[in-house]
Amino acid sequence: MRRVTRPGGVVAACVWDYPGEMTLLRTFRDAAAALEPELAALTDERTTMLFDEEGELARLWRAVGLEDVEEGALVVSAEYSSFADLWEPLESGVGPSGAYVASLDTEGRAALREEVRSRLGSPTGLFRLTARAWYAVGHT
């Protein structure tokens, strides 16, 4: 990105804080690992994504020669009308976690669903989950 950005241009990126404050995915992956450790480890974003810890993007920006690097965190939240509202996209195979759910047999899906529900405090109505992303902005 630095190579193709004009002099004086801006390069910016964000990455989810997979090992920390990515509540849904952290809870999902912890539940999956509790039930099927070997299978869950193959698709765990917490171990396959790069630059997902505080400061890593900014260090990369500086290492490639970007200047005036700024870094920080963005926190977002999503509201769900019920646990089914959260779970339905996963059952449909959406994203890496959904693909993992789709790979399970009916019994495995049910067990994972209940494990995730339990780890989220067994919500019965409206609830909200938060997530954090790390960002870095630098100039050429």
C-alpha atoms as a PDB file:
ATOM      1  CA  MET A   1       0.000   0.000   0.000  1.00  0.00           C
ATOM      2  CA  ARG A   2       2.857   2.382   0.774  1.00  0.00           C
ATOM      3  CA  ARG A   3       4.470   1.698  -2.585  1.00  0.00           C
ATOM      4  CA  VAL A   4       1.375   2.726  -4.574  1.00  0.00           C
ATOM      5  CA  THR A   5       0.320   5.682  -2.421  1.00  0.00           C
ATOM      6  CA  ARG A   6       1.259   9.123  -3.725  1.00  0.00           C
ATOM      7  CA  PRO A   7       3.723  11.209  -1.726  1.00  0.00           C
ATOM      8  CA  GLY A   8       1.800  12.875   1.095  1.00  0.00           C
ATOM      9  CA  GLY A   9      -0.931  10.257   0.838  1.00  0.00           C
ATOM     10  CA  VAL A  10      -2.544   8.329   3.663  1.00  0.00           C
ATOM     11  CA  VAL A  11      -2.425   4.588   4.311  1.00  0.00           C
ATOM     12  CA  ALA A  12      -4.882   3.225   6.866  1.00  0.00           C
ATOM     13  CA  ALA A  13      -6.146  -0.180   7.949  1.00  0.00           C
ATOM     14  CA  CYS A  14      -7.961  -1.936  10.767  1.00  0.00           C
ATOM     15  CA  VAL A  15      -7.908  -5.504  12.012  1.00  0.00           C
ATOM     16  CA  TRP A  16     -10.220  -7.129  14.533  1.00  0.00           C
ATOM     17  CA  ASP A  17      -8.766  -7.853  17.956  1.00  0.00           C
ATOM     18  CA  TYR A  18      -9.338 -11.601  17.537  1.00  0.00           C
ATOM     19  CA  PRO A  19      -7.421 -12.743  20.623  1.00  0.00           C
ATOM     20  CA  GLY A  20      -8.940 -10.072  22.869  1.00  0.00           C
ATOM     21  CA  GLU A  21     -12.115  -8.074  22.552  1.00  0.00           C
ATOM     22  CA  MET A  22     -13.903  -9.804  19.706  1.00  0.00           C
ATOM     23  CA  THR A  23     -16.622 -11.131  21.994  1.00  0.00           C
ATOM     24  CA  LEU A  24     -18.674 -13.197  19.550  1.00  0.00           C
ATOM     25  CA  LEU A  25     -15.771 -14.894  17.795  1.00  0.00           C
ATOM     26  CA  ARG A  26     -13.786 -15.410  20.999  1.00  0.00           C
ATOM     27  CA  THR A  27     -16.817 -17.022  22.639  1.00  0.00           C
ATOM     28  CA  PHE A  28     -17.568 -19.093  19.532  1.00  0.00           C
ATOM     29  CA  ARG A  29     -13.980 -20.332  19.222  1.00  0.00           C
ATOM     30  CA  ASP A  30     -13.672 -21.126  22.925  1.00  0.00           C
ATOM     31  CA  ALA A  31     -16.897 -23.152  22.707  1.00  0.00           C
ATOM     32  CA  ALA A  32     -15.741 -24.960  19.560  1.00  0.00           C
ATOM     33  CA  ALA A  33     -12.367 -25.760  21.128  1.00  0.00           C
ATOM     34  CA  ALA A  34     -14.073 -27.162  24.224  1.00  0.00           C
ATOM     35  CA  LEU A  35     -16.049 -29.591  22.044  1.00  0.00           C
ATOM     36  CA  GLU A  36     -13.633 -30.422  19.169  1.00  0.00           C
ATOM     37  CA  PRO A  37     -10.154 -28.985  19.875  1.00  0.00           C
ATOM     38  CA  GLU A  38      -8.352 -30.311  16.790  1.00  0.00           C
ATOM     39  CA  LEU A  39     -11.053 -29.387  14.278  1.00  0.00           C
ATOM     40  CA  ALA A  40     -11.666 -25.957  15.811  1.00  0.00           C
ATOM     41  CA  ALA A  41      -7.956 -25.072  15.765  1.00  0.00           C
ATOM     42  CA  LEU A  42      -7.773 -25.397  11.976  1.00  0.00           C
ATOM     43  CA  THR A  43     -10.012 -22.373  11.334  1.00  0.00           C
ATOM     44  CA  ASP A  44      -9.480 -20.240  14.429  1.00  0.00           C
ATOM     45  CA  GLU A  45      -9.003 -16.599  13.377  1.00  0.00           C
ATOM     46  CA  ARG A  46      -7.176 -15.984  16.648  1.00  0.00           C
ATOM     47  CA  THR A  47      -4.252 -18.029  15.359  1.00  0.00           C
ATOM     48  CA  THR A  48      -4.490 -17.474  11.591  1.00  0.00           C
ATOM     49  CA  MET A  49      -4.853 -13.680  11.392  1.00  0.00           C
ATOM     50  CA  LEU A  50      -1.810 -11.433  11.457  1.00  0.00           C
ATOM     51  CA  PHE A  51      -1.355  -8.025  13.098  1.00  0.00           C
ATOM     52  CA  ASP A  52      -4.359  -8.537  15.407  1.00  0.00           C
ATOM     53  CA  GLU A  53      -2.755  -7.409  18.656  1.00  0.00           C
ATOM     54  CA  GLU A  54      -2.341  -3.889  19.984  1.00  0.00           C
ATOM     55  CA  GLY A  55       0.444  -1.978  18.270  1.00  0.00           C
ATOM     56  CA  GLU A  56       1.241  -4.540  15.570  1.00  0.00           C
ATOM     57  CA  LEU A  57      -0.236  -2.563  12.662  1.00  0.00           C
ATOM     58  CA  ALA A  58       1.545   0.605  13.772  1.00  0.00           C
ATOM     59  CA  ARG A  59       4.868  -1.250  14.016  1.00  0.00           C
ATOM     60  CA  LEU A  60       4.313  -2.588  10.496  1.00  0.00           C
ATOM     61  CA  TRP A  61       3.482   0.899   9.207  1.00  0.00           C
ATOM     62  CA  ARG A  62       6.712   2.260  10.680  1.00  0.00           C
ATOM     63  CA  ALA A  63       8.752  -0.708   9.402  1.00  0.00           C
ATOM     64  CA  VAL A  64       7.649  -0.052   5.805  1.00  0.00           C
ATOM     65  CA  GLY A  65       8.579   3.625   6.068  1.00  0.00           C
ATOM     66  CA  LEU A  66       5.278   5.363   6.752  1.00  0.00           C
ATOM     67  CA  GLU A  67       5.548   8.560   8.787  1.00  0.00           C
ATOM     68  CA  ASP A  68       3.458  10.286  11.452  1.00  0.00           C
ATOM     69  CA  VAL A  69       1.860   6.961  12.344  1.00  0.00           C
ATOM     70  CA  GLU A  70      -1.211   7.140  14.548  1.00  0.00           C
ATOM     71  CA  GLU A  71      -2.771   4.087  16.156  1.00  0.00           C
ATOM     72  CA  GLY A  72      -5.660   3.232  18.380  1.00  0.00           C
ATOM     73  CA  ALA A  73      -8.761   1.180  18.948  1.00  0.00           C
ATOM     74  CA  LEU A  74     -12.273   1.320  17.581  1.00  0.00           C
ATOM     75  CA  VAL A  75     -15.044  -0.337  19.587  1.00  0.00           C
ATOM     76  CA  VAL A  76     -18.326  -1.302  17.980  1.00  0.00           C
ATOM     77  CA  SER A  77     -21.353  -3.219  19.157  1.00  0.00           C
ATOM     78  CA  ALA A  78     -24.108  -5.280  17.605  1.00  0.00           C
ATOM     79  CA  GLU A  79     -27.536  -5.797  19.083  1.00  0.00           C
ATOM     80  CA  TYR A  80     -29.385  -9.089  18.720  1.00  0.00           C
ATOM     81  CA  SER A  81     -33.100  -9.555  19.295  1.00  0.00           C
ATOM     82  CA  SER A  82     -32.467 -13.078  20.571  1.00  0.00           C
ATOM     83  CA  PHE A  83     -29.867 -15.800  20.550  1.00  0.00           C
ATOM     84  CA  ALA A  84     -31.551 -17.199  17.411  1.00  0.00           C
ATOM     85  CA  ASP A  85     -30.914 -13.831  15.713  1.00  0.00           C
ATOM     86  CA  LEU A  86     -27.194 -14.273  16.383  1.00  0.00           C
ATOM     87  CA  TRP A  87     -27.055 -17.992  15.550  1.00  0.00           C
ATOM     88  CA  GLU A  88     -29.079 -18.097  12.312  1.00  0.00           C
ATOM     89  CA  PRO A  89     -26.336 -16.655  10.031  1.00  0.00           C
ATOM     90  CA  LEU A  90     -23.875 -19.190  11.438  1.00  0.00           C
ATOM     91  CA  GLU A  91     -26.272 -22.044  10.589  1.00  0.00           C
ATOM     92  CA  SER A  92     -26.402 -20.625   7.039  1.00  0.00           C
ATOM     93  CA  GLY A  93     -22.608 -20.934   6.711  1.00  0.00           C
ATOM     94  CA  VAL A  94     -21.811 -17.199   6.791  1.00  0.00           C
ATOM     95  CA  GLY A  95     -18.096 -16.440   7.322  1.00  0.00           C
ATOM     96  CA  PRO A  96     -15.371 -18.751   8.631  1.00  0.00           C
ATOM     97  CA  SER A  97     -17.326 -19.501  11.798  1.00  0.00           C
ATOM     98  CA  GLY A  98     -20.427 -20.314   9.759  1.00  0.00           C
ATOM     99  CA  ALA A  99     -18.381 -22.599   7.511  1.00  0.00           C
ATOM    100  CA  TYR A 100     -17.210 -24.381  10.640  1.00  0.00           C
ATOM    101  CA  VAL A 101     -20.826 -24.795  11.830  1.00  0.00           C
ATOM    102  CA  ALA A 102     -21.808 -26.113   8.395  1.00  0.00           C
ATOM    103  CA  SER A 103     -19.044 -28.725   8.610  1.00  0.00           C
ATOM    104  CA  LEU A 104     -20.601 -30.264  11.729  1.00  0.00           C
ATOM    105  CA  ASP A 105     -23.272 -32.922  11.796  1.00  0.00           C
ATOM    106  CA  THR A 106     -26.670 -32.137  13.353  1.00  0.00           C
ATOM    107  CA  GLU A 107     -25.607 -33.329  16.794  1.00  0.00           C
ATOM    108  CA  GLY A 108     -22.355 -31.348  16.658  1.00  0.00           C
ATOM    109  CA  ARG A 109     -24.202 -28.172  15.614  1.00  0.00           C
ATOM    110  CA  ALA A 110     -26.685 -28.534  18.459  1.00  0.00           C
ATOM    111  CA  ALA A 111     -23.901 -29.093  20.988  1.00  0.00           C
ATOM    112  CA  LEU A 112     -21.962 -26.071  19.726  1.00  0.00           C
ATOM    113  CA  ARG A 113     -25.082 -23.897  19.712  1.00  0.00           C
ATOM    114  CA  GLU A 114     -25.783 -24.719  23.354  1.00  0.00           C
ATOM    115  CA  GLU A 115     -22.146 -24.263  24.364  1.00  0.00           C
ATOM    116  CA  VAL A 116     -22.029 -20.807  22.744  1.00  0.00           C
ATOM    117  CA  ARG A 117     -25.395 -19.873  24.262  1.00  0.00           C
ATOM    118  CA  SER A 118     -24.217 -20.919  27.716  1.00  0.00           C
ATOM    119  CA  ARG A 119     -20.922 -19.020  27.416  1.00  0.00           C
ATOM    120  CA  LEU A 120     -22.870 -15.870  26.484  1.00  0.00           C
ATOM    121  CA  GLY A 121     -24.960 -16.185  29.648  1.00  0.00           C
ATOM    122  CA  SER A 122     -27.960 -17.897  27.989  1.00  0.00           C
ATOM    123  CA  PRO A 123     -29.583 -14.718  26.679  1.00  0.00           C
ATOM    124  CA  THR A 124     -33.357 -14.959  26.351  1.00  0.00           C
ATOM    125  CA  GLY A 125     -34.160 -11.628  24.751  1.00  0.00           C
ATOM    126  CA  LEU A 126     -32.405  -8.548  23.456  1.00  0.00           C
ATOM    127  CA  PHE A 127     -28.642  -8.461  24.063  1.00  0.00           C
ATOM    128  CA  ARG A 128     -25.560  -6.656  22.760  1.00  0.00           C
ATOM    129  CA  LEU A 129     -22.023  -7.810  22.025  1.00  0.00           C
ATOM    130  CA  THR A 130     -18.982  -5.609  21.537  1.00  0.00           C
ATOM    131  CA  ALA A 131     -15.881  -5.943  19.399  1.00  0.00           C
ATOM    132  CA  ARG A 132     -12.644  -4.012  19.141  1.00  0.00           C
ATOM    133  CA  ALA A 133     -10.488  -3.349  16.109  1.00  0.00           C
ATOM    134  CA  TRP A 134      -6.972  -1.942  16.100  1.00  0.00           C
ATOM    135  CA  TYR A 135      -6.200   0.752  13.532  1.00  0.00           C
ATOM    136  CA  ALA A 136      -3.110   2.399  12.128  1.00  0.00           C
ATOM    137  CA  VAL A 137      -2.849   5.481   9.920  1.00  0.00           C
ATOM    138  CA  GLY A 138       0.375   6.645   8.324  1.00  0.00           C
ATOM    139  CA  HIS A 139       1.559   9.061   5.682  1.00  0.00           C
ATOM    140  CA  THR A 140       3.929   8.594   2.769  1.00  0.00           C
END
